[in-house]
Amino acid sequence: MLSCFFTRWMSLLVKLSGLFLVFIFSSGLAIAGQASNTTASPPVLGWVEYVRIEPWGVKTRARLDTGSNTASISAYDIELLKKNGRQWVRFMFDFSTAGKERSIQIERPVIRTGKIKQHTGLLQERPVINMDICLADEVRTVEFNLIDRRALNYPVLLGRKVLATRALVDSSRILLSKADCGHEKKKKKKKANRNNSSNAGTAE
């Protein structure tokens, strides 16, 4: 009788152990599934995308070039100056389109002088600055070197350092994102306010 009781007790322990292992395994799978769901994959972008230069909200096209390591922005009339003991740079950013000449003056602190390898193989020294841009509806800070790109098709070039872990580039497509970052909502709000003001002014 004692041996029978012992056998039943051992059988119960085996069943409980099995249930416990199943619970642990299921919990592990659930946690792993949640972790994979929360890890969002980077957006797929074309080799040409719209970006906005912040905080001005200037919208222009950028070339996404995985063959380039750095990022550059078009700059001319580059002037180095001192502000509060720091090196700054003043330049004109040209974002003209067909039939429309557009440019703005920008001043930014110089974070360093970069040596950029040109297509000829020679190194060229360029001022490097930090600037915020809106890309794929997300504002991010990018290191830009300054170079006159007015003879090129796109005033902004984004290389691997910017795109790594942030975007996948489909070289067969273009303009897959809008680069809104809240600007479209602001435009709609201003338009609505203007319409309301106009209606209020004409009301008798």
N, C-alpha and C. Protein backbone atom coordinates (compact mmCIF):
# COMPACT_ATOMS: atom_id res chain seq x y z
N MET A 1 0.84 -1.20 0.00
CA MET A 1 0.00 0.00 0.00
C MET A 1 0.88 1.26 0.00
N LEU A 2 1.95 1.21 0.76
CA LEU A 2 2.87 2.34 0.81
C LEU A 2 3.53 2.57 -0.55
N SER A 3 3.90 1.47 -1.21
CA SER A 3 4.53 1.59 -2.53
C SER A 3 3.55 2.15 -3.56
N CYS A 4 2.28 1.82 -3.43
CA CYS A 4 1.26 2.34 -4.36
C CYS A 4 1.10 3.85 -4.16
N PHE A 5 1.07 4.28 -2.91
CA PHE A 5 0.96 5.70 -2.60
C PHE A 5 2.17 6.46 -3.15
N PHE A 6 3.34 5.87 -2.98
CA PHE A 6 4.58 6.49 -3.46
C PHE A 6 4.56 6.63 -4.99
N THR A 7 4.06 5.58 -5.67
CA THR A 7 4.00 5.59 -7.14
C THR A 7 3.07 6.70 -7.63
N ARG A 8 1.89 6.82 -6.96
CA ARG A 8 0.95 7.88 -7.36
C ARG A 8 1.53 9.27 -7.11
N TRP A 9 2.21 9.41 -6.03
CA TRP A 9 2.84 10.70 -5.70
C TRP A 9 3.90 11.10 -6.72
N MET A 10 4.71 10.13 -7.12
CA MET A 10 5.74 10.40 -8.13
C MET A 10 5.10 10.74 -9.48
N SER A 11 4.00 10.06 -9.81
CA SER A 11 3.31 10.35 -11.07
C SER A 11 2.75 11.77 -11.08
N LEU A 12 2.22 12.20 -9.93
CA LEU A 12 1.68 13.56 -9.81
C LEU A 12 2.80 14.59 -9.96
N LEU A 13 3.95 14.32 -9.36
CA LEU A 13 5.08 15.24 -9.47
C LEU A 13 5.54 15.38 -10.91
N VAL A 14 5.56 14.26 -11.63
CA VAL A 14 5.98 14.28 -13.04
C VAL A 14 5.02 15.13 -13.87
N LYS A 15 3.71 14.99 -13.62
CA LYS A 15 2.71 15.78 -14.36
C LYS A 15 2.84 17.27 -14.06
N LEU A 16 3.03 17.59 -12.76
CA LEU A 16 3.19 18.99 -12.38
C LEU A 16 4.45 19.60 -13.00
N SER A 17 5.53 18.83 -13.04
CA SER A 17 6.77 19.31 -13.65
C SER A 17 6.58 19.59 -15.13
N GLY A 18 5.85 18.70 -15.79
CA GLY A 18 5.58 18.89 -17.22
C GLY A 18 4.76 20.12 -17.48
N LEU A 19 3.72 20.36 -16.65
CA LEU A 19 2.89 21.56 -16.80
C LEU A 19 3.71 22.83 -16.58
N PHE A 20 4.62 22.78 -15.58
CA PHE A 20 5.46 23.94 -15.28
C PHE A 20 6.38 24.27 -16.45
N LEU A 21 6.96 23.23 -17.08
CA LEU A 21 7.84 23.44 -18.22
C LEU A 21 7.08 24.01 -19.41
N VAL A 22 5.85 23.52 -19.63
CA VAL A 22 5.02 24.04 -20.72
C VAL A 22 4.71 25.51 -20.49
N PHE A 23 4.41 25.88 -19.23
CA PHE A 23 4.10 27.27 -18.90
C PHE A 23 5.30 28.18 -19.16
N ILE A 24 6.50 27.73 -18.72
CA ILE A 24 7.71 28.52 -18.92
C ILE A 24 7.99 28.70 -20.40
N PHE A 25 7.84 27.63 -21.19
CA PHE A 25 8.11 27.68 -22.63
C PHE A 25 7.15 28.62 -23.33
N SER A 26 5.87 28.53 -22.96
CA SER A 26 4.86 29.39 -23.58
C SER A 26 5.10 30.85 -23.23
N SER A 27 5.47 31.12 -21.98
CA SER A 27 5.75 32.49 -21.57
C SER A 27 6.94 33.06 -22.34
N GLY A 28 7.95 32.23 -22.55
CA GLY A 28 9.12 32.67 -23.30
C GLY A 28 8.78 33.03 -24.73
N LEU A 29 7.92 32.20 -25.37
CA LEU A 29 7.50 32.49 -26.73
C LEU A 29 6.70 33.78 -26.80
N ALA A 30 5.84 34.01 -25.80
CA ALA A 30 5.02 35.23 -25.80
C ALA A 30 5.89 36.47 -25.66
N ILE A 31 6.89 36.41 -24.77
CA ILE A 31 7.79 37.55 -24.57
C ILE A 31 8.61 37.81 -25.83
N ALA A 32 9.08 36.72 -26.47
CA ALA A 32 9.86 36.89 -27.70
C ALA A 32 9.01 37.49 -28.80
N GLY A 33 7.75 37.09 -28.86
CA GLY A 33 6.85 37.63 -29.87
C GLY A 33 6.59 39.10 -29.66
N GLN A 34 6.41 39.50 -28.39
CA GLN A 34 6.19 40.91 -28.09
C GLN A 34 7.43 41.74 -28.45
N ALA A 35 8.61 41.20 -28.16
CA ALA A 35 9.84 41.92 -28.46
C ALA A 35 10.01 42.13 -29.96
N SER A 36 9.67 41.08 -30.75
CA SER A 36 9.81 41.21 -32.20
C SER A 36 8.80 42.18 -32.76
N ASN A 37 7.62 42.27 -32.14
CA ASN A 37 6.60 43.19 -32.63
C ASN A 37 6.95 44.64 -32.34
N THR A 38 7.61 44.86 -31.18
CA THR A 38 7.94 46.23 -30.79
C THR A 38 9.17 46.76 -31.53
N THR A 39 9.98 45.87 -32.14
CA THR A 39 11.14 46.30 -32.90
C THR A 39 10.70 46.61 -34.32
N ALA A 40 10.45 47.88 -34.58
CA ALA A 40 9.94 48.28 -35.88
C ALA A 40 11.05 48.25 -36.92
N SER A 41 10.73 47.75 -38.10
CA SER A 41 11.70 47.73 -39.18
C SER A 41 11.82 49.13 -39.78
N PRO A 42 13.00 49.49 -40.27
CA PRO A 42 13.18 50.83 -40.85
C PRO A 42 12.33 51.00 -42.11
N PRO A 43 11.92 52.23 -42.42
CA PRO A 43 11.08 52.45 -43.60
C PRO A 43 11.86 52.23 -44.89
N VAL A 44 11.14 51.85 -45.94
CA VAL A 44 11.75 51.71 -47.27
C VAL A 44 11.58 53.04 -48.00
N LEU A 45 12.69 53.62 -48.45
CA LEU A 45 12.68 54.89 -49.15
C LEU A 45 13.26 54.73 -50.55
N GLY A 46 12.90 55.66 -51.42
CA GLY A 46 13.47 55.64 -52.76
C GLY A 46 14.83 56.32 -52.79
N TRP A 47 15.49 56.27 -53.94
CA TRP A 47 16.83 56.87 -54.01
C TRP A 47 16.75 58.40 -54.12
N VAL A 48 15.55 58.93 -54.32
CA VAL A 48 15.28 60.37 -54.22
C VAL A 48 14.08 60.55 -53.31
N GLU A 49 14.21 61.41 -52.31
CA GLU A 49 13.11 61.65 -51.37
C GLU A 49 13.04 63.14 -51.04
N TYR A 50 11.85 63.55 -50.62
CA TYR A 50 11.70 64.91 -50.10
C TYR A 50 12.24 64.98 -48.69
N VAL A 51 12.90 66.08 -48.37
CA VAL A 51 13.32 66.38 -47.00
C VAL A 51 12.93 67.82 -46.70
N ARG A 52 12.85 68.14 -45.42
CA ARG A 52 12.66 69.53 -44.99
C ARG A 52 13.85 69.95 -44.14
N ILE A 53 14.35 71.14 -44.42
CA ILE A 53 15.43 71.70 -43.63
C ILE A 53 14.80 72.47 -42.47
N GLU A 54 15.06 72.00 -41.26
CA GLU A 54 14.45 72.61 -40.07
C GLU A 54 15.40 73.63 -39.44
N PRO A 55 14.86 74.63 -38.75
CA PRO A 55 13.45 74.84 -38.39
C PRO A 55 12.65 75.64 -39.42
N TRP A 56 13.25 75.92 -40.59
CA TRP A 56 12.57 76.76 -41.58
C TRP A 56 11.46 76.01 -42.32
N GLY A 57 11.52 74.69 -42.32
CA GLY A 57 10.51 73.91 -43.03
C GLY A 57 10.69 73.93 -44.53
N VAL A 58 11.89 74.31 -45.00
CA VAL A 58 12.17 74.37 -46.44
C VAL A 58 12.14 72.95 -47.01
N LYS A 59 11.31 72.75 -48.02
CA LYS A 59 11.14 71.42 -48.61
C LYS A 59 11.91 71.33 -49.91
N THR A 60 12.72 70.29 -50.04
CA THR A 60 13.51 70.09 -51.24
C THR A 60 13.76 68.61 -51.44
N ARG A 61 14.31 68.27 -52.58
CA ARG A 61 14.60 66.86 -52.86
C ARG A 61 16.03 66.53 -52.44
N ALA A 62 16.20 65.30 -51.97
CA ALA A 62 17.53 64.82 -51.57
C ALA A 62 17.83 63.51 -52.27
N ARG A 63 19.08 63.33 -52.57
CA ARG A 63 19.54 62.06 -53.14
C ARG A 63 20.02 61.16 -52.02
N LEU A 64 19.49 59.96 -51.93
CA LEU A 64 19.91 58.98 -50.93
C LEU A 64 20.91 58.05 -51.60
N ASP A 65 22.17 58.21 -51.23
CA ASP A 65 23.27 57.55 -51.94
C ASP A 65 24.02 56.61 -50.98
N THR A 66 23.76 55.31 -51.11
CA THR A 66 24.44 54.34 -50.24
C THR A 66 25.90 54.16 -50.65
N GLY A 67 26.29 54.71 -51.78
CA GLY A 67 27.69 54.64 -52.19
C GLY A 67 28.54 55.74 -51.58
N SER A 68 27.87 56.71 -50.96
CA SER A 68 28.58 57.79 -50.29
C SER A 68 28.54 57.57 -48.78
N ASN A 69 29.60 57.94 -48.11
CA ASN A 69 29.67 57.71 -46.66
C ASN A 69 29.06 58.86 -45.87
N THR A 70 29.23 60.09 -46.35
CA THR A 70 28.82 61.28 -45.59
C THR A 70 27.61 61.94 -46.22
N ALA A 71 27.17 63.04 -45.61
CA ALA A 71 26.05 63.84 -46.12
C ALA A 71 26.56 65.23 -46.45
N SER A 72 26.03 65.81 -47.51
CA SER A 72 26.43 67.16 -47.90
C SER A 72 25.21 67.97 -48.26
N ILE A 73 25.32 69.28 -48.08
CA ILE A 73 24.25 70.20 -48.41
C ILE A 73 24.83 71.34 -49.24
N SER A 74 24.05 71.81 -50.21
CA SER A 74 24.54 72.82 -51.12
C SER A 74 24.76 74.14 -50.38
N ALA A 75 25.92 74.75 -50.57
CA ALA A 75 26.25 76.00 -49.91
C ALA A 75 27.14 76.83 -50.82
N TYR A 76 26.82 78.12 -50.92
CA TYR A 76 27.68 79.05 -51.64
C TYR A 76 27.77 80.35 -50.84
N ASP A 77 28.68 81.22 -51.24
CA ASP A 77 28.99 82.42 -50.45
C ASP A 77 29.30 82.03 -49.00
N ILE A 78 30.14 81.02 -48.84
CA ILE A 78 30.49 80.51 -47.51
C ILE A 78 31.44 81.50 -46.82
N GLU A 79 31.07 81.87 -45.60
CA GLU A 79 31.85 82.84 -44.83
C GLU A 79 32.03 82.33 -43.40
N LEU A 80 33.27 82.18 -42.97
CA LEU A 80 33.56 81.76 -41.61
C LEU A 80 33.61 82.99 -40.71
N LEU A 81 33.05 82.87 -39.50
CA LEU A 81 33.02 84.00 -38.56
C LEU A 81 33.09 83.49 -37.13
N LYS A 82 33.31 84.43 -36.20
CA LYS A 82 33.39 84.08 -34.78
C LYS A 82 32.16 84.60 -34.05
N LYS A 83 31.61 83.73 -33.16
CA LYS A 83 30.51 84.13 -32.30
C LYS A 83 30.75 83.58 -30.91
N ASN A 84 30.88 84.49 -29.94
CA ASN A 84 31.13 84.08 -28.56
C ASN A 84 32.32 83.13 -28.45
N GLY A 85 33.35 83.43 -29.22
CA GLY A 85 34.56 82.63 -29.16
C GLY A 85 34.49 81.32 -29.93
N ARG A 86 33.37 81.06 -30.60
CA ARG A 86 33.22 79.81 -31.36
C ARG A 86 33.24 80.09 -32.85
N GLN A 87 33.67 79.07 -33.59
CA GLN A 87 33.69 79.17 -35.05
C GLN A 87 32.30 78.90 -35.61
N TRP A 88 31.79 79.84 -36.39
CA TRP A 88 30.50 79.69 -37.07
C TRP A 88 30.72 79.82 -38.57
N VAL A 89 29.70 79.44 -39.32
CA VAL A 89 29.75 79.59 -40.76
C VAL A 89 28.42 80.17 -41.24
N ARG A 90 28.52 81.11 -42.17
CA ARG A 90 27.32 81.70 -42.80
C ARG A 90 27.37 81.33 -44.28
N PHE A 91 26.24 80.87 -44.80
CA PHE A 91 26.22 80.48 -46.21
C PHE A 91 24.81 80.61 -46.77
N MET A 92 24.72 80.58 -48.09
CA MET A 92 23.45 80.59 -48.78
C MET A 92 23.12 79.16 -49.22
N PHE A 93 21.92 78.73 -48.87
CA PHE A 93 21.44 77.41 -49.29
C PHE A 93 20.48 77.60 -50.46
N ASP A 94 20.83 77.05 -51.60
CA ASP A 94 20.03 77.19 -52.80
C ASP A 94 19.18 75.94 -53.00
N PHE A 95 17.86 76.13 -53.06
CA PHE A 95 16.96 74.99 -53.31
C PHE A 95 16.00 75.33 -54.46
N SER A 96 16.58 75.95 -55.48
CA SER A 96 15.79 76.36 -56.64
C SER A 96 15.24 75.15 -57.38
N THR A 97 14.07 75.34 -57.98
CA THR A 97 13.47 74.32 -58.84
C THR A 97 13.29 74.94 -60.23
N ALA A 98 12.80 74.13 -61.16
CA ALA A 98 12.63 74.61 -62.53
C ALA A 98 11.72 75.84 -62.56
N GLY A 99 12.29 76.95 -63.00
CA GLY A 99 11.50 78.17 -63.12
C GLY A 99 11.38 78.98 -61.85
N LYS A 100 11.89 78.48 -60.73
CA LYS A 100 11.79 79.20 -59.46
C LYS A 100 13.15 79.23 -58.78
N GLU A 101 13.68 80.45 -58.59
CA GLU A 101 14.94 80.60 -57.87
C GLU A 101 14.63 80.86 -56.40
N ARG A 102 15.12 79.97 -55.55
CA ARG A 102 14.85 80.09 -54.12
C ARG A 102 16.13 79.81 -53.34
N SER A 103 16.38 80.65 -52.32
CA SER A 103 17.55 80.43 -51.47
C SER A 103 17.31 81.12 -50.13
N ILE A 104 17.98 80.63 -49.10
CA ILE A 104 17.92 81.25 -47.78
C ILE A 104 19.33 81.32 -47.21
N GLN A 105 19.53 82.29 -46.31
CA GLN A 105 20.82 82.40 -45.62
C GLN A 105 20.74 81.62 -44.31
N ILE A 106 21.79 80.84 -44.04
CA ILE A 106 21.84 80.00 -42.84
C ILE A 106 23.14 80.28 -42.10
N GLU A 107 23.06 80.33 -40.78
CA GLU A 107 24.24 80.42 -39.92
C GLU A 107 24.22 79.26 -38.94
N ARG A 108 25.33 78.53 -38.86
CA ARG A 108 25.42 77.39 -37.95
C ARG A 108 26.82 77.31 -37.34
N PRO A 109 26.94 76.75 -36.11
CA PRO A 109 28.28 76.52 -35.55
C PRO A 109 29.02 75.45 -36.35
N VAL A 110 30.29 75.63 -36.51
CA VAL A 110 31.13 74.62 -37.17
C VAL A 110 31.58 73.62 -36.12
N ILE A 111 31.27 72.35 -36.33
CA ILE A 111 31.66 71.33 -35.34
C ILE A 111 33.05 70.78 -35.62
N ARG A 112 33.47 70.85 -36.88
CA ARG A 112 34.82 70.42 -37.25
C ARG A 112 35.05 70.73 -38.73
N THR A 113 36.26 70.51 -39.18
CA THR A 113 36.58 70.60 -40.60
C THR A 113 36.85 69.20 -41.10
N GLY A 114 36.06 68.76 -42.06
CA GLY A 114 36.19 67.41 -42.57
C GLY A 114 37.02 67.36 -43.84
N LYS A 115 37.73 66.25 -44.02
CA LYS A 115 38.48 66.01 -45.26
C LYS A 115 37.69 65.00 -46.08
N ILE A 116 37.10 65.47 -47.17
CA ILE A 116 36.21 64.66 -47.99
C ILE A 116 36.95 64.24 -49.27
N LYS A 117 36.89 62.94 -49.54
CA LYS A 117 37.54 62.42 -50.74
C LYS A 117 36.64 62.67 -51.96
N GLN A 118 37.17 63.34 -52.97
CA GLN A 118 36.43 63.64 -54.18
C GLN A 118 36.55 62.49 -55.17
N HIS A 119 35.77 62.59 -56.26
CA HIS A 119 35.82 61.56 -57.30
C HIS A 119 37.20 61.46 -57.94
N THR A 120 37.92 62.56 -57.90
CA THR A 120 39.28 62.56 -58.47
C THR A 120 40.29 61.85 -57.57
N GLY A 121 39.86 61.55 -56.33
CA GLY A 121 40.75 60.91 -55.38
C GLY A 121 41.43 61.88 -54.45
N LEU A 122 41.33 63.19 -54.75
CA LEU A 122 41.95 64.21 -53.91
C LEU A 122 41.06 64.51 -52.69
N LEU A 123 41.69 64.90 -51.59
CA LEU A 123 40.96 65.27 -50.38
C LEU A 123 40.67 66.77 -50.39
N GLN A 124 39.45 67.12 -50.00
CA GLN A 124 39.05 68.53 -49.94
C GLN A 124 38.54 68.83 -48.53
N GLU A 125 39.04 69.93 -47.95
CA GLU A 125 38.59 70.34 -46.62
C GLU A 125 37.28 71.12 -46.72
N ARG A 126 36.30 70.73 -45.89
CA ARG A 126 35.00 71.39 -45.90
C ARG A 126 34.52 71.60 -44.47
N PRO A 127 33.85 72.72 -44.20
CA PRO A 127 33.22 72.90 -42.89
C PRO A 127 32.12 71.86 -42.69
N VAL A 128 32.00 71.37 -41.46
CA VAL A 128 30.96 70.38 -41.13
C VAL A 128 30.06 70.97 -40.05
N ILE A 129 28.75 70.87 -40.26
CA ILE A 129 27.78 71.43 -39.32
C ILE A 129 26.73 70.39 -38.99
N ASN A 130 26.02 70.61 -37.89
CA ASN A 130 24.84 69.81 -37.55
C ASN A 130 23.59 70.57 -37.96
N MET A 131 22.67 69.88 -38.60
CA MET A 131 21.39 70.49 -38.96
C MET A 131 20.29 69.45 -38.79
N ASP A 132 19.10 69.92 -38.41
CA ASP A 132 17.94 69.04 -38.30
C ASP A 132 17.23 68.99 -39.63
N ILE A 133 16.87 67.78 -40.05
CA ILE A 133 16.07 67.61 -41.25
C ILE A 133 14.89 66.69 -40.94
N CYS A 134 13.84 66.87 -41.71
CA CYS A 134 12.70 65.96 -41.64
C CYS A 134 12.81 64.99 -42.80
N LEU A 135 12.93 63.71 -42.49
CA LEU A 135 13.00 62.66 -43.50
C LEU A 135 12.06 61.54 -43.10
N ALA A 136 11.16 61.17 -44.00
CA ALA A 136 10.18 60.10 -43.73
C ALA A 136 9.38 60.41 -42.48
N ASP A 137 8.95 61.67 -42.36
CA ASP A 137 8.10 62.12 -41.25
C ASP A 137 8.77 62.00 -39.89
N GLU A 138 10.09 62.07 -39.87
CA GLU A 138 10.84 62.02 -38.61
C GLU A 138 11.95 63.06 -38.65
N VAL A 139 12.04 63.88 -37.59
CA VAL A 139 13.10 64.89 -37.52
C VAL A 139 14.34 64.25 -36.91
N ARG A 140 15.46 64.42 -37.58
CA ARG A 140 16.71 63.85 -37.08
C ARG A 140 17.85 64.84 -37.33
N THR A 141 18.88 64.76 -36.49
CA THR A 141 20.04 65.63 -36.62
C THR A 141 21.08 64.96 -37.50
N VAL A 142 21.57 65.70 -38.48
CA VAL A 142 22.49 65.14 -39.47
C VAL A 142 23.75 66.01 -39.55
N GLU A 143 24.90 65.37 -39.67
CA GLU A 143 26.16 66.06 -39.93
C GLU A 143 26.28 66.31 -41.43
N PHE A 144 26.35 67.58 -41.82
CA PHE A 144 26.50 67.94 -43.23
C PHE A 144 27.85 68.62 -43.45
N ASN A 145 28.52 68.24 -44.54
CA ASN A 145 29.64 69.06 -45.00
C ASN A 145 29.11 70.00 -46.08
N LEU A 146 29.72 71.18 -46.18
CA LEU A 146 29.23 72.22 -47.07
C LEU A 146 29.98 72.21 -48.39
N ILE A 147 29.22 72.17 -49.49
CA ILE A 147 29.81 72.17 -50.82
C ILE A 147 28.78 72.75 -51.80
N ASP A 148 29.24 73.48 -52.76
CA ASP A 148 28.34 74.07 -53.76
C ASP A 148 27.83 72.95 -54.69
N ARG A 149 26.54 72.64 -54.57
CA ARG A 149 25.92 71.58 -55.38
C ARG A 149 24.95 72.16 -56.42
N ARG A 150 25.07 73.45 -56.72
CA ARG A 150 24.11 74.07 -57.64
C ARG A 150 24.18 73.49 -59.05
N ALA A 151 25.33 72.93 -59.42
CA ALA A 151 25.46 72.32 -60.74
C ALA A 151 24.91 70.88 -60.76
N LEU A 152 24.54 70.36 -59.59
CA LEU A 152 24.02 69.00 -59.49
C LEU A 152 22.50 69.02 -59.41
N ASN A 153 21.90 67.86 -59.55
CA ASN A 153 20.44 67.78 -59.61
C ASN A 153 19.77 67.97 -58.25
N TYR A 154 20.47 67.60 -57.17
CA TYR A 154 19.84 67.61 -55.85
C TYR A 154 20.71 68.39 -54.86
N PRO A 155 20.13 69.34 -54.15
CA PRO A 155 20.91 70.18 -53.23
C PRO A 155 21.34 69.47 -51.96
N VAL A 156 20.74 68.32 -51.68
CA VAL A 156 21.07 67.57 -50.46
C VAL A 156 21.43 66.14 -50.84
N LEU A 157 22.50 65.65 -50.25
CA LEU A 157 22.91 64.25 -50.43
C LEU A 157 23.02 63.59 -49.07
N LEU A 158 22.39 62.44 -48.92
CA LEU A 158 22.43 61.68 -47.66
C LEU A 158 23.14 60.35 -47.90
N GLY A 159 24.22 60.14 -47.14
CA GLY A 159 25.02 58.93 -47.31
C GLY A 159 24.72 57.87 -46.28
N ARG A 160 25.62 56.88 -46.21
CA ARG A 160 25.40 55.69 -45.37
C ARG A 160 25.29 56.03 -43.89
N LYS A 161 26.06 57.01 -43.41
CA LYS A 161 26.03 57.33 -41.97
C LYS A 161 24.65 57.78 -41.53
N VAL A 162 23.93 58.46 -42.41
CA VAL A 162 22.58 58.93 -42.09
C VAL A 162 21.57 57.79 -42.22
N LEU A 163 21.75 56.97 -43.25
CA LEU A 163 20.75 55.97 -43.59
C LEU A 163 20.88 54.69 -42.77
N ALA A 164 22.06 54.39 -42.25
CA ALA A 164 22.28 53.15 -41.51
C ALA A 164 21.31 53.03 -40.34
N THR A 165 20.62 51.90 -40.26
CA THR A 165 19.63 51.56 -39.23
C THR A 165 18.40 52.44 -39.26
N ARG A 166 18.34 53.43 -40.17
CA ARG A 166 17.21 54.35 -40.20
C ARG A 166 16.32 54.14 -41.41
N ALA A 167 16.87 53.59 -42.49
CA ALA A 167 16.08 53.44 -43.71
C ALA A 167 16.70 52.39 -44.62
N LEU A 168 15.84 51.75 -45.40
CA LEU A 168 16.27 50.87 -46.48
C LEU A 168 15.99 51.60 -47.79
N VAL A 169 16.95 51.56 -48.71
CA VAL A 169 16.83 52.31 -49.96
C VAL A 169 16.52 51.37 -51.11
N ASP A 170 15.40 51.64 -51.79
CA ASP A 170 15.03 50.92 -53.00
C ASP A 170 15.51 51.75 -54.19
N SER A 171 16.55 51.28 -54.85
CA SER A 171 17.18 52.06 -55.93
C SER A 171 16.33 52.13 -57.19
N SER A 172 15.20 51.42 -57.23
CA SER A 172 14.34 51.45 -58.41
C SER A 172 13.15 52.39 -58.25
N ARG A 173 13.04 53.04 -57.08
CA ARG A 173 11.86 53.88 -56.81
C ARG A 173 12.29 55.24 -56.25
N ILE A 174 11.36 56.21 -56.34
CA ILE A 174 11.61 57.55 -55.81
C ILE A 174 10.36 58.06 -55.10
N LEU A 175 10.56 59.04 -54.21
CA LEU A 175 9.49 59.80 -53.55
C LEU A 175 8.43 58.90 -52.92
N LEU A 176 8.89 58.08 -51.96
CA LEU A 176 7.98 57.19 -51.24
C LEU A 176 7.48 57.79 -49.94
N SER A 177 8.01 58.94 -49.54
CA SER A 177 7.58 59.59 -48.30
C SER A 177 7.31 61.06 -48.57
N LYS A 178 6.66 61.73 -47.62
CA LYS A 178 6.23 63.12 -47.81
C LYS A 178 7.06 64.14 -47.03
N ALA A 179 7.72 63.72 -45.97
CA ALA A 179 8.50 64.64 -45.12
C ALA A 179 7.61 65.74 -44.56
N ASP A 180 6.50 65.35 -43.93
CA ASP A 180 5.57 66.33 -43.37
C ASP A 180 6.06 66.86 -42.02
N CYS A 181 6.24 65.97 -41.06
CA CYS A 181 6.70 66.34 -39.72
C CYS A 181 5.84 67.46 -39.11
N GLY A 182 4.53 67.39 -39.36
CA GLY A 182 3.61 68.35 -38.77
C GLY A 182 3.38 69.59 -39.61
N HIS A 183 4.15 69.79 -40.68
CA HIS A 183 4.02 71.00 -41.48
C HIS A 183 2.70 71.06 -42.22
N GLU A 184 2.21 69.92 -42.71
CA GLU A 184 0.94 69.91 -43.44
C GLU A 184 -0.22 70.28 -42.52
N LYS A 185 -0.16 69.79 -41.27
CA LYS A 185 -1.21 70.14 -40.30
C LYS A 185 -1.21 71.64 -40.02
N LYS A 186 0.01 72.23 -39.92
CA LYS A 186 0.10 73.66 -39.66
C LYS A 186 -0.47 74.45 -40.84
N LYS A 187 -0.20 73.98 -42.08
CA LYS A 187 -0.73 74.66 -43.26
C LYS A 187 -2.25 74.62 -43.27
N LYS A 188 -2.81 73.44 -42.96
CA LYS A 188 -4.26 73.30 -42.95
C LYS A 188 -4.88 74.19 -41.87
N LYS A 189 -4.21 74.28 -40.72
CA LYS A 189 -4.72 75.10 -39.63
C LYS A 189 -4.69 76.58 -40.02
N LYS A 190 -3.57 77.04 -40.64
CA LYS A 190 -3.49 78.43 -41.09
C LYS A 190 -4.54 78.73 -42.14
N LYS A 191 -4.75 77.78 -43.07
CA LYS A 191 -5.75 77.98 -44.12
C LYS A 191 -7.14 78.08 -43.53
N ALA A 192 -7.42 77.22 -42.54
CA ALA A 192 -8.72 77.25 -41.87
C ALA A 192 -8.93 78.57 -41.14
N ASN A 193 -7.85 79.06 -40.49
CA ASN A 193 -7.95 80.34 -39.78
C ASN A 193 -8.20 81.50 -40.74
N ARG A 194 -7.52 81.46 -41.91
CA ARG A 194 -7.74 82.50 -42.90
C ARG A 194 -9.17 82.47 -43.44
N ASN A 195 -9.68 81.25 -43.67
CA ASN A 195 -11.05 81.12 -44.17
C ASN A 195 -12.05 81.63 -43.14
N ASN A 196 -11.79 81.30 -41.87
CA ASN A 196 -12.70 81.77 -40.81
C ASN A 196 -12.67 83.28 -40.71
N SER A 197 -11.46 83.87 -40.82
CA SER A 197 -11.34 85.33 -40.75
C SER A 197 -12.06 85.99 -41.93
N SER A 198 -11.93 85.37 -43.10
CA SER A 198 -12.58 85.91 -44.29
C SER A 198 -14.10 85.85 -44.17
N ASN A 199 -14.60 84.71 -43.68
CA ASN A 199 -16.04 84.56 -43.51
C ASN A 199 -16.59 85.54 -42.47
N ALA A 200 -15.80 85.75 -41.39
CA ALA A 200 -16.23 86.66 -40.35
C ALA A 200 -16.26 88.09 -40.87
N GLY A 201 -15.34 88.42 -41.76
CA GLY A 201 -15.27 89.78 -42.28
C GLY A 201 -16.40 90.10 -43.25
N THR A 202 -16.90 89.08 -43.96
CA THR A 202 -17.94 89.32 -44.95
C THR A 202 -19.34 89.13 -44.38
N ALA A 203 -19.41 88.62 -43.15
CA ALA A 203 -20.73 88.39 -42.55
C ALA A 203 -21.40 89.72 -42.19
N GLU A 204 -22.73 89.82 -42.42
CA GLU A 204 -23.48 91.05 -42.12
C GLU A 204 -24.15 90.93 -40.74
